[in-house]
Protein backbone atom coordinates (compact mmCIF):
# COMPACT_ATOMS: atom_id res chain seq x y z
CA MET A 1 -48.87 -10.17 94.58
CA LYS A 2 -52.00 -12.22 94.94
CA THR A 3 -51.70 -15.69 93.61
CA ILE A 4 -54.65 -18.03 93.03
CA LYS A 5 -53.97 -21.61 92.22
CA LEU A 6 -56.63 -23.32 90.41
CA LEU A 7 -56.98 -27.01 91.81
CA PRO A 8 -58.70 -29.81 89.86
CA LEU A 9 -62.61 -29.06 90.12
CA ALA A 10 -63.20 -32.62 91.68
CA LEU A 11 -62.33 -30.41 94.67
CA MET A 12 -64.65 -28.38 94.07
CA ALA A 13 -62.98 -25.75 95.80
CA LEU A 14 -60.55 -22.69 94.84
CA ALA A 15 -57.16 -22.72 97.02
CA MET A 16 -56.31 -18.92 97.11
CA THR A 17 -53.11 -17.23 98.62
CA SER A 18 -51.71 -13.84 98.67
CA CYS A 19 -48.30 -11.88 99.34
CA LEU A 20 -47.35 -8.63 98.43
CA ASP A 21 -44.95 -7.41 95.57
CA ASP A 22 -42.21 -4.97 96.33
CA ASP A 23 -43.27 -3.01 93.60
CA LYS A 24 -46.82 -3.10 92.99
CA ASN A 25 -50.07 -5.51 93.69
CA VAL A 26 -50.22 -8.16 90.92
CA MET A 27 -52.37 -10.94 90.67
CA GLU A 28 -51.44 -14.24 89.60
CA VAL A 29 -53.29 -17.26 88.29
CA SER A 30 -51.41 -20.63 87.97
CA CYS A 31 -53.16 -23.59 86.26
CA TYR A 32 -51.90 -26.98 85.71
CA TRP A 33 -53.13 -29.22 82.76
CA PRO A 34 -54.71 -31.85 82.63
CA GLU A 35 -56.65 -31.47 85.76
CA ASP A 36 -59.47 -34.24 86.53
CA LEU A 37 -61.96 -32.63 84.22
CA THR A 38 -59.79 -31.35 81.48
CA PRO A 39 -58.36 -34.38 79.78
CA ASN A 40 -55.86 -33.85 76.87
CA LEU A 41 -54.26 -36.01 74.06
CA THR A 42 -51.21 -34.92 72.14
CA TYR A 43 -51.60 -34.91 68.51
CA VAL A 44 -48.23 -35.14 66.73
CA THR A 45 -46.81 -34.77 62.86
CA ASP A 46 -43.44 -35.86 62.63
CA PRO A 47 -40.80 -34.62 60.52
CA GLU A 48 -41.55 -37.23 57.87
CA GLY A 49 -45.24 -36.13 57.62
CA GLU A 50 -46.42 -38.96 59.47
CA SER A 51 -49.42 -38.35 61.87
CA HIS A 52 -49.42 -39.68 65.28
CA VAL A 53 -51.90 -39.83 68.61
CA TYR A 54 -50.19 -40.10 71.89
CA GLY A 55 -50.99 -39.81 75.49
CA PRO A 56 -51.81 -36.66 77.59
CA SER A 57 -48.82 -33.80 77.65
CA THR A 58 -48.66 -31.81 81.13
CA LEU A 59 -48.13 -27.95 80.98
CA SER A 60 -48.51 -25.36 83.48
CA TYR A 61 -49.58 -21.60 83.07
CA ASN A 62 -48.73 -18.90 85.32
CA PHE A 63 -50.62 -15.41 84.33
CA ARG A 64 -49.97 -12.38 85.68
CA LEU A 65 -53.48 -10.62 85.14
CA GLU A 66 -52.20 -6.71 85.93
CA LYS A 67 -49.36 -7.19 83.55
CA ASN A 68 -51.26 -9.25 80.82
CA GLU A 69 -48.26 -11.86 81.03
CA VAL A 70 -48.19 -15.58 81.08
CA ALA A 71 -45.56 -17.89 81.26
CA VAL A 72 -46.01 -21.42 80.37
CA THR A 73 -43.86 -24.63 81.19
CA ALA A 74 -44.09 -27.89 79.24
CA VAL A 75 -43.59 -30.25 81.91
CA SER A 76 -43.76 -33.40 79.81
CA VAL A 77 -44.83 -33.20 75.62
CA PRO A 78 -44.44 -36.83 73.99
CA LEU A 79 -42.89 -36.38 70.57
CA THR A 80 -42.75 -40.00 69.87
CA GLU A 81 -43.58 -43.13 71.73
CA THR A 82 -40.29 -43.08 73.32
CA ARG A 83 -39.45 -39.37 73.30
CA LYS A 84 -40.90 -36.82 75.72
CA VAL A 85 -39.56 -33.13 75.96
CA ALA A 86 -39.93 -30.55 78.89
CA PHE A 87 -38.99 -26.87 78.43
CA VAL A 88 -39.73 -23.45 79.89
CA VAL A 89 -41.34 -20.84 77.57
CA PRO A 90 -40.22 -17.30 77.80
CA THR A 91 -42.58 -15.28 79.32
CA THR A 92 -44.53 -13.18 76.81
CA THR A 93 -47.78 -11.07 76.86
CA TYR A 94 -51.36 -12.51 76.02
CA THR A 95 -54.40 -11.08 74.39
CA ASN A 96 -58.27 -11.62 75.52
CA THR A 97 -59.61 -13.20 72.40
CA ASN A 98 -63.39 -13.15 71.23
CA TYR A 99 -64.01 -16.67 72.55
CA GLY A 100 -63.13 -16.00 76.27
CA ALA A 101 -59.68 -17.45 76.09
CA LEU A 102 -56.37 -15.52 77.23
CA ALA A 103 -54.00 -16.21 74.28
CA MET A 104 -50.36 -15.98 74.00
CA LYS A 105 -47.74 -16.74 70.74
CA LEU A 106 -44.21 -16.39 70.80
CA PRO A 107 -43.04 -14.04 68.14
CA GLY A 108 -40.29 -15.97 66.93
CA ALA A 109 -38.11 -19.44 67.70
CA VAL A 110 -36.12 -19.84 70.70
CA THR A 111 -33.88 -22.29 71.87
CA VAL A 112 -34.76 -23.44 75.78
CA ASN A 113 -33.69 -26.37 77.55
CA ASN A 114 -31.69 -27.89 74.60
CA VAL A 115 -35.09 -27.96 72.57
CA ASN A 116 -35.53 -26.27 69.44
CA LEU A 117 -38.99 -24.37 69.67
CA GLU A 118 -39.49 -23.11 66.44
CA ALA A 119 -43.14 -21.99 67.10
CA PHE A 120 -45.33 -22.01 70.40
CA SER A 121 -48.85 -20.48 70.84
CA ALA A 122 -51.43 -21.43 73.74
CA GLY A 123 -54.19 -20.01 75.96
CA ALA A 124 -56.56 -20.97 78.72
CA VAL A 125 -60.34 -19.78 79.72
CA LEU A 126 -60.27 -19.37 83.29
CA ARG A 127 -64.09 -19.70 83.72
CA ASN A 128 -64.33 -19.12 87.40
CA PHE A 129 -63.48 -15.46 86.83
CA TYR A 130 -66.62 -15.28 84.45
CA GLY A 131 -68.79 -16.58 87.33
CA GLN A 132 -68.54 -20.33 86.07
CA SER A 133 -66.65 -21.76 88.95
CA LYS A 134 -68.46 -25.20 88.40
CA GLN A 135 -67.48 -25.44 84.95
CA ALA A 136 -64.17 -27.02 84.29
CA ASN A 137 -61.37 -24.70 82.46
CA TYR A 138 -60.11 -25.00 78.89
CA TYR A 139 -56.86 -24.92 77.61
CA TYR A 140 -55.14 -25.62 74.64
CA ALA A 141 -51.27 -25.46 72.99
CA ASP A 142 -49.74 -25.71 69.68
CA MET A 143 -46.18 -25.75 68.99
CA THR A 144 -43.21 -27.03 66.65
CA VAL A 145 -40.38 -28.77 68.51
CA ASP A 146 -37.30 -29.96 66.70
CA GLY A 147 -39.15 -30.31 63.59
CA TYR A 148 -42.06 -32.14 65.46
CA LYS A 149 -45.43 -30.39 64.91
CA VAL A 150 -47.83 -30.72 68.14
CA SER A 151 -51.10 -29.95 69.24
CA VAL A 152 -52.39 -30.60 72.60
CA ILE A 153 -56.24 -30.88 72.31
CA GLN A 154 -58.57 -31.07 75.36
CA THR A 155 -60.94 -33.97 75.02
CA SER A 156 -63.84 -32.66 77.26
CA ASN A 157 -65.34 -29.20 76.96
CA SER A 158 -68.42 -27.02 77.12
CA TYR A 159 -69.45 -24.54 74.50
CA TYR A 160 -71.78 -21.36 74.72
CA GLY A 161 -72.68 -19.08 72.34
CA GLN A 162 -75.37 -18.53 69.52
CA THR A 163 -77.86 -21.01 68.07
CA THR A 164 -79.79 -20.21 64.98
CA VAL A 165 -82.24 -22.35 63.83
CA ASN A 166 -84.06 -22.07 60.20
CA PHE A 167 -86.97 -24.09 58.73
CA LEU A 168 -85.78 -26.31 55.95
CA THR A 169 -88.69 -25.42 53.79
CA GLY A 170 -91.53 -23.08 53.32
CA ASN A 171 -91.35 -21.05 56.42
CA PRO A 172 -88.76 -18.39 56.47
CA THR A 173 -89.00 -17.81 60.14
CA VAL A 174 -85.37 -17.66 61.98
CA TYR A 175 -85.37 -18.40 65.55
CA THR A 176 -82.07 -17.31 67.51
CA ASP A 177 -80.97 -18.30 70.74
CA LEU A 178 -78.32 -17.67 73.62
CA ASP A 179 -79.27 -20.24 76.06
CA THR A 180 -78.59 -23.41 74.61
CA SER A 181 -75.00 -24.83 75.26
CA TYR A 182 -73.07 -27.77 74.13
CA ASP A 183 -70.70 -30.30 75.97
CA MET A 184 -68.41 -32.18 73.93
CA LYS A 185 -66.75 -35.57 75.16
CA LEU A 186 -64.06 -37.25 72.74
CA ASP A 187 -63.33 -41.04 72.78
CA ALA A 188 -59.62 -41.11 71.53
CA GLU A 189 -59.81 -45.18 71.24
CA LYS A 190 -63.11 -45.17 69.00
CA MET A 191 -62.34 -41.69 67.42
CA THR A 192 -66.08 -40.59 68.50
CA ALA A 193 -67.48 -38.01 69.98
CA THR A 194 -70.54 -37.47 72.24
CA ILE A 195 -72.34 -33.99 71.76
CA THR A 196 -75.05 -33.28 74.42
CA ILE A 197 -77.18 -30.19 73.81
CA ASN A 198 -78.31 -28.51 76.97
CA ASN A 199 -81.80 -26.79 76.91
CA ALA A 200 -82.25 -27.83 73.23
CA LYS A 201 -84.94 -25.74 71.24
CA PHE A 202 -85.58 -25.37 67.73
CA ALA A 203 -88.35 -22.92 67.42
CA SER A 204 -89.36 -20.43 69.76
CA ASN A 205 -92.80 -22.13 70.57
CA MET A 206 -91.26 -25.29 71.50
CA PRO A 207 -90.70 -26.27 74.87
CA ALA A 208 -87.20 -26.74 75.78
CA GLN A 209 -85.63 -30.07 76.10
CA SER A 210 -83.62 -30.32 79.01
CA LYS A 211 -80.96 -32.48 77.18
CA ILE A 212 -80.39 -34.14 73.61
CA THR A 213 -77.43 -36.42 73.23
CA LEU A 214 -75.88 -36.90 69.88
CA PRO A 215 -73.91 -40.26 70.37
CA ASP A 216 -70.94 -41.61 68.73
CA VAL A 217 -70.20 -38.82 66.37
CA PRO A 218 -67.39 -39.86 64.11
CA VAL A 219 -64.19 -37.37 64.41
CA THR A 220 -61.11 -36.76 62.80
CA LEU A 221 -58.14 -34.82 64.47
CA SER A 222 -55.72 -32.25 63.12
CA HIS A 223 -53.84 -29.30 64.23
CA ASP A 224 -56.84 -27.13 64.00
CA GLY A 225 -58.56 -29.66 66.48
CA ILE A 226 -61.19 -31.89 66.25
CA HIS A 227 -63.51 -32.33 63.27
CA PHE A 228 -67.19 -33.80 63.38
CA GLU A 229 -68.86 -35.30 60.55
CA CYS A 230 -72.07 -37.97 60.45
CA ASP A 231 -74.69 -38.52 57.91
CA GLU A 232 -77.27 -39.62 60.30
CA LEU A 233 -77.92 -40.75 63.68
CA VAL A 234 -80.70 -41.27 66.48
CA PRO A 235 -80.49 -38.91 69.43
CA LEU A 236 -80.93 -39.90 72.96
CA GLN A 237 -83.09 -38.19 75.51
CA ALA A 238 -81.93 -36.89 79.00
CA ASN A 239 -82.58 -40.45 80.30
CA GLY A 240 -80.74 -42.13 77.67
CA ALA A 241 -83.74 -43.31 75.65
CA PRO A 242 -83.75 -42.93 71.67
CA LYS A 243 -85.64 -39.99 70.50
CA PRO A 244 -86.16 -40.95 66.83
CA GLU A 245 -88.86 -38.51 66.22
CA PHE A 246 -85.77 -35.95 66.50
CA GLY A 247 -83.73 -37.62 64.00
CA ILE A 248 -80.51 -35.77 63.14
CA THR A 249 -78.71 -35.78 59.86
CA ASP A 250 -75.88 -33.97 57.95
CA VAL A 251 -74.00 -33.34 61.36
CA ILE A 252 -70.69 -31.35 60.44
CA GLY A 253 -68.49 -29.20 62.63
CA ASP A 254 -65.03 -28.38 64.22
CA ALA A 255 -63.90 -27.93 67.92
CA LYS A 256 -61.05 -25.63 66.82
CA GLN A 257 -58.05 -24.62 69.08
CA GLY A 258 -58.98 -21.82 70.60
CA ARG A 259 -61.56 -20.79 68.54
CA GLY A 260 -64.70 -22.50 69.92
CA LEU A 261 -67.01 -24.77 68.69
CA GLN A 262 -69.03 -24.32 65.09
CA LEU A 263 -71.58 -27.00 64.46
CA LYS A 264 -74.19 -27.54 61.75
CA PHE A 265 -76.96 -30.00 61.68
CA LYS A 266 -80.48 -30.98 60.65
CA VAL A 267 -83.21 -32.29 63.05
CA ALA A 268 -86.43 -34.25 61.83
CA GLY A 269 -86.60 -33.06 58.26
CA THR A 270 -87.54 -29.65 59.61
CA TRP A 271 -84.88 -27.73 61.11
CA GLN A 272 -81.44 -26.59 60.28
CA VAL A 273 -79.13 -25.80 63.26
CA ASP A 274 -76.28 -23.58 63.38
CA ALA A 275 -74.34 -23.35 66.17
CA GLN A 276 -71.72 -20.53 66.74
CA CYS A 277 -69.90 -21.00 70.17
CA GLY A 278 -67.38 -19.63 72.38
CA TYR A 279 -65.96 -20.89 76.05
CA ILE A 280 -67.90 -18.47 78.15
CA ALA A 281 -71.64 -18.14 78.34
CA LYS A 282 -72.93 -15.34 75.97
CA SER A 283 -69.75 -14.38 75.21
CA ILE A 284 -70.04 -14.10 71.56
């Protein structure tokens, strides 16, 4: 059996070990979340219907790639300010999603480690397998535990996919691009997000901008993930200076649990931008 352990990317390396299974050669990939570059928070709705935001949960994933199986261990998941639970999720099969994630879902409720696990789904994007070893992995987990609905939400991530640009008036030309990508970082204390657009380009004859940043976009959390919404803002250039000629308005979008990024906004009163992204470059 071959085992690959994905260590925090701050180490800038993969540690690889291997051994031989008695029955067959099976590749295993073990991941530990959070890593240095994959922080998370825990969004909880209690049995009374009140929602709370707590600190990070810790989970580990062990994928048996040639058997399409994954075992997830919840090392520590906060349900309240004073109660954390730990449990081992029964091994189950995973599927490959259109967004680039390896996703699993328990078929029904189980009791494990004296915890009533009414529902559990989770997934991971192992970017090194797609030639993106310098990019941090992406993880998510959703569960209902002892009546508490819990979503573990990654607060920093990169997204890749299709950006479509329409002129708002007069010219029906549509520009479609697969090279623009998006980085999102959530500030849980301020409940805002910074969204960086890499290789930003709003028309085929427009020189690409190395980076344009949408700062301090207000967000709300839910069990679907992160929702962005802002009436207007002044974006920042790569050097941090304001770029008012590219004024951004009508920002709305979602970074959904395991379902990529959907983001819309208008630029300079001229372009409507629509990004539909997954987790792997040019994956959808």
